[in-house]
N, C-alpha and C. Protein backbone atom coordinates (compact mmCIF):
# COMPACT_ATOMS: atom_id res chain seq x y z
N UNK A 1 7.52 -5.77 5.93
CA UNK A 1 7.09 -5.99 7.14
C UNK A 1 5.51 -6.24 7.02
N UNK A 2 5.05 -7.41 7.61
CA UNK A 2 3.57 -7.77 7.60
C UNK A 2 2.89 -6.91 8.54
N UNK A 3 1.69 -6.59 7.93
CA UNK A 3 0.64 -5.92 8.83
C UNK A 3 0.29 -6.80 9.92
N UNK A 4 0.60 -6.69 11.05
CA UNK A 4 0.32 -7.62 12.21
C UNK A 4 -1.02 -7.36 12.81
N UNK A 5 -1.74 -6.26 12.21
CA UNK A 5 -3.13 -5.81 12.84
C UNK A 5 -4.05 -6.64 12.04
N UNK A 6 -3.74 -7.44 11.06
CA UNK A 6 -4.86 -8.23 10.45
C UNK A 6 -5.76 -7.40 9.38
N UNK A 7 -5.25 -6.39 9.01
CA UNK A 7 -5.97 -5.52 8.10
C UNK A 7 -6.00 -6.24 6.62
N UNK A 8 -6.76 -5.59 5.76
CA UNK A 8 -6.71 -6.07 4.38
C UNK A 8 -6.09 -5.22 3.42
N UNK A 9 -5.22 -4.29 3.74
CA UNK A 9 -4.77 -3.39 2.82
C UNK A 9 -3.81 -3.97 1.83
N UNK A 10 -3.15 -5.01 2.07
CA UNK A 10 -2.14 -5.56 1.00
C UNK A 10 -3.20 -6.25 -0.14
N UNK A 11 -4.06 -6.86 0.30
CA UNK A 11 -4.92 -7.46 -0.70
C UNK A 11 -6.04 -6.54 -1.41
N UNK A 12 -6.49 -5.65 -0.75
CA UNK A 12 -7.48 -4.73 -1.31
C UNK A 12 -6.77 -3.81 -2.29
N UNK A 13 -5.63 -3.46 -1.95
CA UNK A 13 -4.84 -2.53 -2.91
C UNK A 13 -4.24 -3.11 -3.99
N UNK A 14 -3.79 -4.45 -3.87
CA UNK A 14 -3.32 -5.15 -5.00
C UNK A 14 -4.44 -5.56 -6.00
N UNK A 15 -5.43 -5.87 -5.34
CA UNK A 15 -6.75 -6.17 -6.29
C UNK A 15 -7.30 -4.86 -7.06
N UNK A 16 -7.07 -3.88 -6.50
CA UNK A 16 -7.63 -2.60 -7.12
C UNK A 16 -6.58 -2.20 -8.21
N UNK A 17 -5.34 -2.39 -8.16
CA UNK A 17 -4.37 -2.29 -8.96
C UNK A 17 -4.65 -3.17 -10.24
N UNK A 18 -4.76 -4.40 -9.81
CA UNK A 18 -4.87 -5.31 -10.91
C UNK A 18 -6.20 -5.28 -11.69
N UNK A 19 -7.28 -4.94 -11.01
CA UNK A 19 -8.58 -4.75 -11.70
C UNK A 19 -8.65 -3.59 -12.61
N UNK A 20 -7.93 -2.39 -12.18
CA UNK A 20 -8.05 -1.21 -12.73
C UNK A 20 -6.91 -0.53 -13.50
N UNK A 21 -5.73 -1.28 -13.32
CA UNK A 21 -4.54 -0.75 -13.90
C UNK A 21 -4.23 0.72 -13.57
N UNK A 22 -4.51 1.08 -12.47
CA UNK A 22 -4.25 2.61 -12.23
C UNK A 22 -3.10 2.74 -10.99
N UNK A 23 -2.39 3.70 -11.15
CA UNK A 23 -1.53 4.19 -10.13
C UNK A 23 -0.31 3.35 -9.78
N UNK A 24 0.16 3.39 -8.66
CA UNK A 24 1.41 2.80 -8.20
C UNK A 24 1.12 2.11 -7.01
N UNK A 25 1.36 0.91 -6.61
CA UNK A 25 1.02 0.25 -5.55
C UNK A 25 2.24 0.47 -4.65
N UNK A 26 1.98 1.05 -3.42
CA UNK A 26 3.07 1.22 -2.38
C UNK A 26 3.05 0.45 -0.96
N UNK A 27 4.04 -0.14 -0.60
CA UNK A 27 4.35 -0.90 0.55
C UNK A 27 5.20 0.03 1.30
N UNK A 28 5.05 0.02 2.62
CA UNK A 28 5.82 1.01 3.64
C UNK A 28 5.53 0.69 4.87
N UNK A 29 6.25 1.42 5.79
CA UNK A 29 6.10 1.28 7.32
C UNK A 29 5.54 2.52 7.70
N UNK A 30 4.35 2.43 8.54
CA UNK A 30 3.75 3.76 8.92
C UNK A 30 3.52 3.65 10.61
N UNK A 31 3.29 4.91 11.00
CA UNK A 31 3.05 5.03 12.47
C UNK A 31 1.75 5.38 12.70
N UNK A 32 1.09 4.58 13.74
CA UNK A 32 -0.12 5.00 14.24
C UNK A 32 -0.24 5.15 15.69
N UNK A 33 -0.66 6.19 16.35
CA UNK A 33 -0.52 6.17 17.79
C UNK A 33 -1.12 5.20 18.67
N UNK A 34 -2.16 4.45 18.15
CA UNK A 34 -2.57 3.34 18.95
C UNK A 34 -1.94 1.94 18.80
N UNK A 35 -1.25 1.89 17.62
CA UNK A 35 -0.47 0.49 17.21
C UNK A 35 0.86 0.69 17.13
N UNK A 36 1.51 1.78 16.80
CA UNK A 36 2.76 1.82 16.65
C UNK A 36 3.31 1.73 15.33
N UNK A 37 4.51 1.27 15.04
CA UNK A 37 4.97 1.11 13.63
C UNK A 37 4.35 -0.25 13.06
N UNK A 38 3.87 -0.33 11.78
CA UNK A 38 3.49 -1.52 11.14
C UNK A 38 3.63 -1.38 9.60
N UNK A 39 3.56 -2.55 8.98
CA UNK A 39 3.52 -2.50 7.62
C UNK A 39 2.21 -2.07 7.04
N UNK A 40 2.10 -1.37 5.99
CA UNK A 40 0.90 -0.87 5.29
C UNK A 40 1.26 -0.76 3.89
N UNK A 41 0.00 -0.76 3.10
CA UNK A 41 -0.03 -0.79 1.54
C UNK A 41 -1.20 0.36 1.26
N UNK A 42 -0.87 1.07 0.14
CA UNK A 42 -1.71 2.06 -0.41
C UNK A 42 -1.50 2.21 -1.74
N UNK A 43 -2.20 3.10 -2.49
CA UNK A 43 -2.19 3.52 -3.96
C UNK A 43 -1.74 4.95 -4.12
N UNK A 44 -0.80 5.23 -5.01
CA UNK A 44 -0.59 6.53 -5.40
C UNK A 44 -1.15 6.66 -6.66
N UNK A 45 -2.07 7.60 -6.86
CA UNK A 45 -2.72 7.73 -8.16
C UNK A 45 -2.06 8.70 -9.25
N UNK A 46 -1.30 9.57 -8.60
CA UNK A 46 -0.34 10.40 -9.47
C UNK A 46 0.58 10.78 -8.58
N UNK A 47 1.37 12.01 -8.98
CA UNK A 47 2.34 12.28 -8.12
C UNK A 47 2.09 13.19 -6.84
N UNK A 48 0.65 13.25 -6.60
CA UNK A 48 0.49 14.08 -5.47
C UNK A 48 -0.88 13.71 -4.82
N UNK A 49 -1.48 12.54 -5.13
CA UNK A 49 -2.72 11.85 -4.45
C UNK A 49 -2.38 10.54 -4.06
N UNK A 50 -3.15 10.16 -2.91
CA UNK A 50 -3.08 8.70 -2.32
C UNK A 50 -4.50 8.34 -2.27
N UNK A 51 -4.78 7.06 -2.52
CA UNK A 51 -6.02 6.35 -2.42
C UNK A 51 -5.78 5.20 -1.46
N UNK A 52 -6.63 5.11 -0.42
CA UNK A 52 -6.37 4.13 0.64
C UNK A 52 -7.94 3.62 0.89
N UNK A 53 -8.19 2.44 0.46
CA UNK A 53 -9.50 1.85 0.85
C UNK A 53 -9.47 0.56 1.62
N UNK A 54 -8.29 0.42 2.31
CA UNK A 54 -8.37 -0.60 3.22
C UNK A 54 -9.22 -0.53 4.41
N UNK A 55 -9.63 -1.72 4.95
CA UNK A 55 -10.35 -1.94 6.15
C UNK A 55 -11.84 -1.01 6.03
N UNK A 56 -12.38 -1.06 4.92
CA UNK A 56 -13.56 -0.33 4.73
C UNK A 56 -13.39 1.36 4.67
N UNK A 57 -12.21 1.86 4.55
CA UNK A 57 -11.91 3.18 4.35
C UNK A 57 -12.16 3.57 2.89
N UNK A 58 -12.32 4.93 2.66
CA UNK A 58 -12.25 5.42 1.36
C UNK A 58 -11.67 6.82 1.30
N UNK A 59 -10.37 6.85 1.55
CA UNK A 59 -9.42 7.99 1.50
C UNK A 59 -8.95 8.31 0.27
N UNK A 60 -9.13 9.54 -0.12
CA UNK A 60 -8.32 10.14 -1.21
C UNK A 60 -7.81 11.44 -0.80
N UNK A 61 -6.43 11.38 -0.62
CA UNK A 61 -5.91 12.49 0.17
C UNK A 61 -4.50 13.01 -0.52
N UNK A 62 -4.09 14.09 -0.21
CA UNK A 62 -2.76 14.62 -0.81
C UNK A 62 -1.59 13.75 -0.31
N UNK A 63 -0.79 13.28 -1.11
CA UNK A 63 0.37 12.48 -0.73
C UNK A 63 1.19 13.16 0.42
N UNK A 64 1.42 14.37 0.34
CA UNK A 64 2.17 14.93 1.42
C UNK A 64 1.62 14.92 2.68
N UNK A 65 0.36 15.05 2.80
CA UNK A 65 -0.39 14.97 4.04
C UNK A 65 -0.49 13.57 4.50
N UNK A 66 -0.74 12.69 3.64
CA UNK A 66 -0.68 11.05 4.03
C UNK A 66 0.62 10.81 4.61
N UNK A 67 1.72 11.00 3.86
CA UNK A 67 2.94 10.69 4.39
C UNK A 67 3.39 11.42 5.78
N UNK A 68 2.99 12.55 5.90
CA UNK A 68 3.39 13.17 7.07
C UNK A 68 2.66 12.74 8.22
N UNK A 69 1.35 12.47 8.26
CA UNK A 69 0.36 12.06 9.24
C UNK A 69 0.95 10.55 9.67
N UNK A 70 1.31 9.78 8.71
CA UNK A 70 1.62 8.28 8.91
C UNK A 70 3.14 8.15 9.10
N UNK A 71 3.84 9.24 9.13
CA UNK A 71 5.42 9.32 9.29
C UNK A 71 6.05 7.99 8.52
N UNK A 72 5.53 7.97 7.19
CA UNK A 72 5.97 6.85 6.28
C UNK A 72 7.20 6.70 6.06
N UNK A 73 7.89 5.42 5.90
CA UNK A 73 9.21 5.29 5.54
C UNK A 73 9.32 3.83 5.03
N UNK A 74 10.43 3.51 4.59
CA UNK A 74 10.93 2.24 3.95
C UNK A 74 9.87 2.00 2.86
N UNK A 75 9.78 2.86 1.93
CA UNK A 75 8.65 2.74 0.84
C UNK A 75 9.28 2.02 -0.48
N UNK A 76 8.32 1.03 -0.83
CA UNK A 76 8.56 0.23 -2.13
C UNK A 76 7.46 0.63 -3.09
N UNK A 77 7.74 0.91 -4.40
CA UNK A 77 6.62 1.26 -5.25
C UNK A 77 6.67 0.21 -6.35
N UNK A 78 5.35 -0.07 -6.80
CA UNK A 78 5.28 -1.20 -7.84
C UNK A 78 4.16 -0.69 -9.01
N UNK A 79 4.62 -0.92 -10.16
CA UNK A 79 3.64 -0.61 -11.16
C UNK A 79 2.52 -1.73 -11.34
N UNK A 80 1.51 -1.68 -12.09
CA UNK A 80 0.60 -2.61 -12.19
C UNK A 80 0.98 -4.02 -12.74
N UNK A 81 2.02 -3.75 -13.74
CA UNK A 81 2.68 -4.91 -14.34
C UNK A 81 3.62 -5.76 -13.33
N UNK A 82 4.36 -4.98 -12.50
CA UNK A 82 5.08 -5.60 -11.47
C UNK A 82 4.28 -6.33 -10.42
N UNK A 83 3.03 -5.61 -9.98
CA UNK A 83 2.24 -6.31 -9.05
C UNK A 83 1.81 -7.46 -9.49
N UNK A 84 1.31 -7.69 -10.85
CA UNK A 84 0.98 -8.97 -11.28
C UNK A 84 1.85 -9.96 -11.26
N UNK A 85 3.18 -9.62 -11.65
CA UNK A 85 4.11 -10.67 -11.61
C UNK A 85 4.62 -10.99 -10.27
N UNK A 86 4.49 -10.23 -9.31
CA UNK A 86 4.83 -10.53 -7.76
C UNK A 86 3.61 -11.18 -7.24
N UNK A 87 2.37 -11.00 -7.54
CA UNK A 87 1.46 -11.87 -7.17
C UNK A 87 1.54 -13.40 -7.42
N UNK A 88 1.89 -13.39 -8.77
CA UNK A 88 2.08 -14.76 -9.26
C UNK A 88 3.26 -15.46 -8.59
N UNK A 89 4.42 -14.69 -8.68
CA UNK A 89 5.67 -15.26 -8.11
C UNK A 89 5.57 -15.85 -6.65
N UNK A 90 4.98 -14.89 -5.76
CA UNK A 90 5.01 -14.94 -4.37
C UNK A 90 3.77 -15.71 -3.91
N UNK A 91 2.61 -15.85 -4.78
CA UNK A 91 1.49 -16.42 -4.41
C UNK A 91 0.76 -15.70 -3.29
N UNK A 92 0.90 -14.49 -3.08
CA UNK A 92 0.16 -13.60 -2.09
C UNK A 92 0.17 -12.24 -2.42
N UNK A 93 -0.40 -11.36 -1.80
CA UNK A 93 -0.65 -10.04 -2.10
C UNK A 93 0.42 -8.99 -1.56
N UNK A 94 1.24 -9.48 -0.80
CA UNK A 94 2.41 -8.79 -0.15
C UNK A 94 2.27 -8.79 1.34
N UNK A 95 3.34 -8.29 1.78
CA UNK A 95 4.51 -7.44 1.32
C UNK A 95 5.50 -8.36 0.81
N UNK A 96 6.09 -8.06 -0.22
CA UNK A 96 7.22 -8.88 -0.98
C UNK A 96 8.52 -8.28 -0.63
N UNK A 97 9.48 -9.13 -0.44
CA UNK A 97 10.77 -8.95 -0.19
C UNK A 97 11.51 -8.67 -1.60
N UNK A 98 11.56 -7.60 -2.05
CA UNK A 98 12.17 -7.16 -3.51
C UNK A 98 13.20 -6.34 -3.37
N UNK A 99 13.85 -6.05 -2.24
CA UNK A 99 14.99 -5.16 -2.26
C UNK A 99 16.19 -5.88 -2.40
């Protein structure tokens, strides 16, 4: 699902992964009370922390809280190697149809 809100989450998080080789890139569907369901991208730094620096934010939060607040579903996770391969293959930062 594409982020119809015009945010930069896919690009900024893919570039962060590619430049730093950290964490897992995650794509999913999230809920926001003002905008409803939409596609989103974030980084999981380890098994319990999330980094979200999209749209000028700088959130580092526990994964459990992030997933609960965003009602996150339809999650796809990518390693830095997979991100590099998919950016080259699709010539964009995502989301990618990889299922």
